[in-house]
């Protein structure tokens, strides 16, 4: 079995189009789907951003010894070479080696930084990139130690190294760590002319990135 773990269900939108015999699972996490990908049984689990929520999602997949665990989803670029919808395979996570999949289409590869918060400004991305990492995300470092077999990390870029988010997403998280739609909507209502167009633009970019990620994974051999 292959277990794919992401932060949000929308990160699976492209991959789910490639599943056969797809069905929802009733698990105590935000989103769980099972099916087959090129004849291989898979489970897709999402439970919110950050290491703790990712670990909870991974536990619910029912992984056994020898199963493959793959951290997937969106990431932010720390390298100016990366553009939206570029695919990135981690060869290290916070300095710890990660074996890439056995066969993939062309993509970017390199060092991934995994932190438990959103990096919201271009200035902070620049500082982090100078330390050697090429992308940043929030879940992989929590998942890597949980692997009972092979572990991979496949990400897709949504925001470039020179872009800042239109709001501080860290302040939009609830006590469990999930992004609060109510908080985001309330903030957007207070800043409609600036924020709403930027959120629509970000959502459109995320949809395109999810499609690119799903198509890429469907062509990989794990």
Protein backbone atom coordinates (compact mmCIF):
# COMPACT_ATOMS: atom_id res chain seq x y z
CA UNK A 1 0.00 0.00 0.00
CA UNK A 2 0.97 3.61 -0.55
CA UNK A 3 -0.23 6.23 1.94
CA UNK A 4 -0.26 9.83 0.71
CA UNK A 5 -0.55 12.49 3.41
CA UNK A 6 -1.27 16.17 2.69
CA UNK A 7 -2.47 19.11 4.75
CA UNK A 8 -5.72 19.82 2.89
CA UNK A 9 -8.05 17.83 0.66
CA UNK A 10 -7.66 20.31 -2.21
CA UNK A 11 -4.02 19.26 -2.54
CA UNK A 12 -5.33 15.86 -3.66
CA UNK A 13 -7.70 17.25 -6.31
CA UNK A 14 -5.44 16.35 -9.23
CA UNK A 15 -4.38 12.97 -7.85
CA UNK A 16 -7.92 11.79 -7.11
CA UNK A 17 -8.78 12.13 -10.79
CA UNK A 18 -6.31 9.30 -11.47
CA UNK A 19 -7.74 6.86 -8.91
CA UNK A 20 -9.85 3.86 -9.82
CA UNK A 21 -12.46 2.42 -7.43
CA UNK A 22 -12.31 5.63 -5.43
CA UNK A 23 -14.35 5.76 -2.24
CA UNK A 24 -14.47 7.92 0.84
CA UNK A 25 -13.41 6.52 4.19
CA UNK A 26 -15.03 7.34 7.51
CA UNK A 27 -12.01 8.19 9.63
CA UNK A 28 -11.60 10.77 12.44
CA UNK A 29 -9.60 13.13 10.20
CA UNK A 30 -10.62 15.86 7.76
CA UNK A 31 -10.40 13.85 4.54
CA UNK A 32 -9.68 10.22 3.68
CA UNK A 33 -10.06 8.46 0.33
CA UNK A 34 -8.97 5.04 -0.87
CA UNK A 35 -8.65 3.49 -4.32
CA UNK A 36 -6.06 2.12 -6.71
CA UNK A 37 -3.40 4.00 -8.64
CA UNK A 38 -2.07 1.99 -11.58
CA UNK A 39 -3.23 -1.15 -9.80
CA UNK A 40 -1.62 -0.30 -6.44
CA UNK A 41 -3.85 0.20 -3.37
CA UNK A 42 -3.52 3.74 -2.02
CA UNK A 43 -5.00 5.87 0.72
CA UNK A 44 -5.08 9.67 0.66
CA UNK A 45 -5.30 11.38 4.05
CA UNK A 46 -5.47 15.07 4.95
CA UNK A 47 -6.00 16.56 8.38
CA UNK A 48 -4.74 20.15 8.38
CA UNK A 49 -1.37 21.94 8.30
CA UNK A 50 1.59 21.27 10.55
CA UNK A 51 3.43 18.29 11.97
CA UNK A 52 0.96 17.19 14.65
CA UNK A 53 -2.06 17.11 12.37
CA UNK A 54 -0.03 15.33 9.68
CA UNK A 55 1.05 12.67 12.18
CA UNK A 56 -2.56 12.13 13.19
CA UNK A 57 -3.52 11.65 9.52
CA UNK A 58 -0.69 9.16 8.98
CA UNK A 59 -1.72 7.10 12.01
CA UNK A 60 -5.23 6.77 10.62
CA UNK A 61 -4.02 5.30 7.32
CA UNK A 62 -3.35 1.96 9.00
CA UNK A 63 0.16 1.63 7.58
CA UNK A 64 1.95 -1.68 8.01
CA UNK A 65 5.60 -2.66 7.86
CA UNK A 66 6.87 -2.17 4.30
CA UNK A 67 4.14 0.24 3.20
CA UNK A 68 5.26 3.41 1.44
CA UNK A 69 4.51 6.80 3.03
CA UNK A 70 4.59 9.90 0.83
CA UNK A 71 4.31 13.50 2.01
CA UNK A 72 2.62 15.51 -0.73
CA UNK A 73 1.07 18.92 -1.26
CA UNK A 74 1.87 22.57 -1.71
CA UNK A 75 5.14 24.31 -0.87
CA UNK A 76 6.67 27.75 -1.08
CA UNK A 77 9.76 28.41 -3.15
CA UNK A 78 12.92 29.66 -1.47
CA UNK A 79 14.87 29.53 -4.73
CA UNK A 80 14.27 32.09 -7.47
CA UNK A 81 14.63 29.26 -10.00
CA UNK A 82 11.26 27.78 -9.04
CA UNK A 83 7.94 28.93 -10.50
CA UNK A 84 4.29 28.19 -9.65
CA UNK A 85 3.24 24.59 -10.46
CA UNK A 86 6.87 23.40 -10.59
CA UNK A 87 7.23 19.95 -9.06
CA UNK A 88 9.86 19.47 -6.36
CA UNK A 89 11.16 16.21 -4.93
CA UNK A 90 12.98 16.45 -1.62
CA UNK A 91 16.40 14.79 -1.43
CA UNK A 92 16.72 15.96 2.18
CA UNK A 93 14.35 17.30 4.85
CA UNK A 94 15.95 19.60 7.40
CA UNK A 95 19.28 18.03 6.48
CA UNK A 96 18.11 14.40 6.73
CA UNK A 97 18.51 12.34 3.54
CA UNK A 98 15.34 11.30 1.66
CA UNK A 99 15.42 8.71 -1.10
CA UNK A 100 13.63 9.92 -4.25
CA UNK A 101 11.06 7.75 -6.05
CA UNK A 102 12.50 5.13 -8.38
CA UNK A 103 11.25 6.79 -11.57
CA UNK A 104 9.76 10.22 -12.22
CA UNK A 105 9.21 12.69 -15.04
CA UNK A 106 11.64 15.65 -15.09
CA UNK A 107 11.36 17.87 -12.02
CA UNK A 108 13.36 19.94 -9.55
CA UNK A 109 15.14 18.17 -6.69
CA UNK A 110 16.98 19.36 -3.63
CA UNK A 111 16.86 20.37 0.02
CA UNK A 112 13.50 20.97 1.65
CA UNK A 113 12.94 22.96 4.84
CA UNK A 114 10.04 21.81 7.02
CA UNK A 115 8.82 24.24 9.70
CA UNK A 116 5.64 24.29 11.76
CA UNK A 117 4.39 27.68 10.59
CA UNK A 118 3.62 29.54 7.39
CA UNK A 119 6.48 31.58 5.94
CA UNK A 120 4.55 34.63 4.87
CA UNK A 121 7.04 37.22 3.58
CA UNK A 122 9.54 37.38 0.75
CA UNK A 123 12.14 38.70 3.19
CA UNK A 124 11.94 35.65 5.41
CA UNK A 125 12.01 33.36 2.37
CA UNK A 126 15.19 35.08 1.23
CA UNK A 127 16.83 34.54 4.62
CA UNK A 128 15.85 30.88 4.74
CA UNK A 129 16.94 30.30 1.15
CA UNK A 130 20.39 31.68 1.90
CA UNK A 131 20.85 28.77 4.34
CA UNK A 132 20.60 26.31 1.45
CA UNK A 133 17.03 25.02 1.26
CA UNK A 134 15.06 25.43 -1.95
CA UNK A 135 11.46 25.05 -0.76
CA UNK A 136 9.57 25.24 2.51
CA UNK A 137 6.50 23.45 3.84
CA UNK A 138 4.98 22.36 7.16
CA UNK A 139 4.39 18.61 7.41
CA UNK A 140 7.25 16.50 6.04
CA UNK A 141 9.51 16.59 9.11
CA UNK A 142 6.69 15.18 11.20
CA UNK A 143 5.95 12.38 8.76
CA UNK A 144 9.45 11.18 7.92
CA UNK A 145 10.06 9.39 11.28
CA UNK A 146 6.69 7.59 10.98
CA UNK A 147 7.56 5.68 7.81
CA UNK A 148 7.45 1.89 8.19
CA UNK A 149 8.85 1.37 4.70
CA UNK A 150 9.97 3.75 1.97
CA UNK A 151 9.40 7.47 2.49
CA UNK A 152 9.24 10.15 -0.21
CA UNK A 153 8.30 13.81 -0.33
CA UNK A 154 6.77 15.24 -3.52
CA UNK A 155 5.67 18.87 -3.52
CA UNK A 156 4.36 21.49 -5.93
CA UNK A 157 5.19 25.20 -5.76
CA UNK A 158 2.34 27.64 -5.15
CA UNK A 159 4.19 30.83 -4.17
CA UNK A 160 7.53 32.05 -5.48
CA UNK A 161 10.55 33.19 -3.50
CA UNK A 162 9.87 36.88 -4.16
CA UNK A 163 6.18 36.79 -3.18
CA UNK A 164 4.59 37.58 0.17
CA UNK A 165 1.15 36.38 1.26
CA UNK A 166 -1.58 39.06 1.50
CA UNK A 167 -2.20 38.21 5.17
CA UNK A 168 -0.53 36.44 8.07
CA UNK A 169 -1.93 32.92 7.76
CA UNK A 170 -0.37 31.98 11.10
CA UNK A 171 -2.84 34.28 12.87
CA UNK A 172 -5.68 32.61 10.92
CA UNK A 173 -5.16 29.18 12.54
CA UNK A 174 -7.41 27.75 15.24
CA UNK A 175 -6.31 26.10 18.47
CA UNK A 176 -5.75 22.76 16.72
CA UNK A 177 -3.63 24.42 14.04
CA UNK A 178 -6.08 24.32 11.14
CA UNK A 179 -6.73 27.39 9.04
CA UNK A 180 -9.97 29.02 10.19
CA UNK A 181 -12.20 29.97 7.26
CA UNK A 182 -14.18 32.21 9.62
CA UNK A 183 -11.07 34.18 10.58
CA UNK A 184 -9.97 34.49 6.95
CA UNK A 185 -13.47 35.58 5.86
CA UNK A 186 -13.69 38.14 8.66
CA UNK A 187 -10.31 39.59 7.73
CA UNK A 188 -11.29 39.69 4.06
CA UNK A 189 -14.47 41.60 4.92
CA UNK A 190 -12.38 44.23 6.65
CA UNK A 191 -10.00 44.55 3.67
CA UNK A 192 -12.15 43.56 0.67
CA UNK A 193 -10.60 45.61 -2.13
CA UNK A 194 -7.03 44.48 -1.45
CA UNK A 195 -7.47 41.01 -0.03
CA UNK A 196 -10.32 39.40 -1.98
CA UNK A 197 -8.66 39.66 -5.44
CA UNK A 198 -5.39 38.31 -4.02
CA UNK A 199 -7.14 35.36 -2.34
CA UNK A 200 -8.95 34.56 -5.60
CA UNK A 201 -5.62 34.68 -7.43
CA UNK A 202 -4.01 32.39 -4.83
CA UNK A 203 -6.91 29.93 -5.01
CA UNK A 204 -6.66 29.77 -8.80
CA UNK A 205 -2.93 29.12 -8.56
CA UNK A 206 -3.48 26.37 -5.97
CA UNK A 207 -6.00 24.65 -8.26
CA UNK A 208 -3.50 24.64 -11.10
CA UNK A 209 -0.75 23.37 -8.80
CA UNK A 210 -2.93 20.53 -7.49
CA UNK A 211 -3.62 19.42 -11.04
CA UNK A 212 0.07 19.46 -11.92
CA UNK A 213 0.92 17.50 -8.77
CA UNK A 214 -1.67 14.81 -9.45
CA UNK A 215 -0.56 14.33 -13.05
CA UNK A 216 3.07 14.10 -11.95
CA UNK A 217 2.43 11.52 -9.23
CA UNK A 218 0.38 9.40 -11.64
CA UNK A 219 3.49 9.13 -13.84
CA UNK A 220 5.85 8.18 -11.00
CA UNK A 221 6.99 4.77 -9.86
CA UNK A 222 7.30 4.47 -6.09
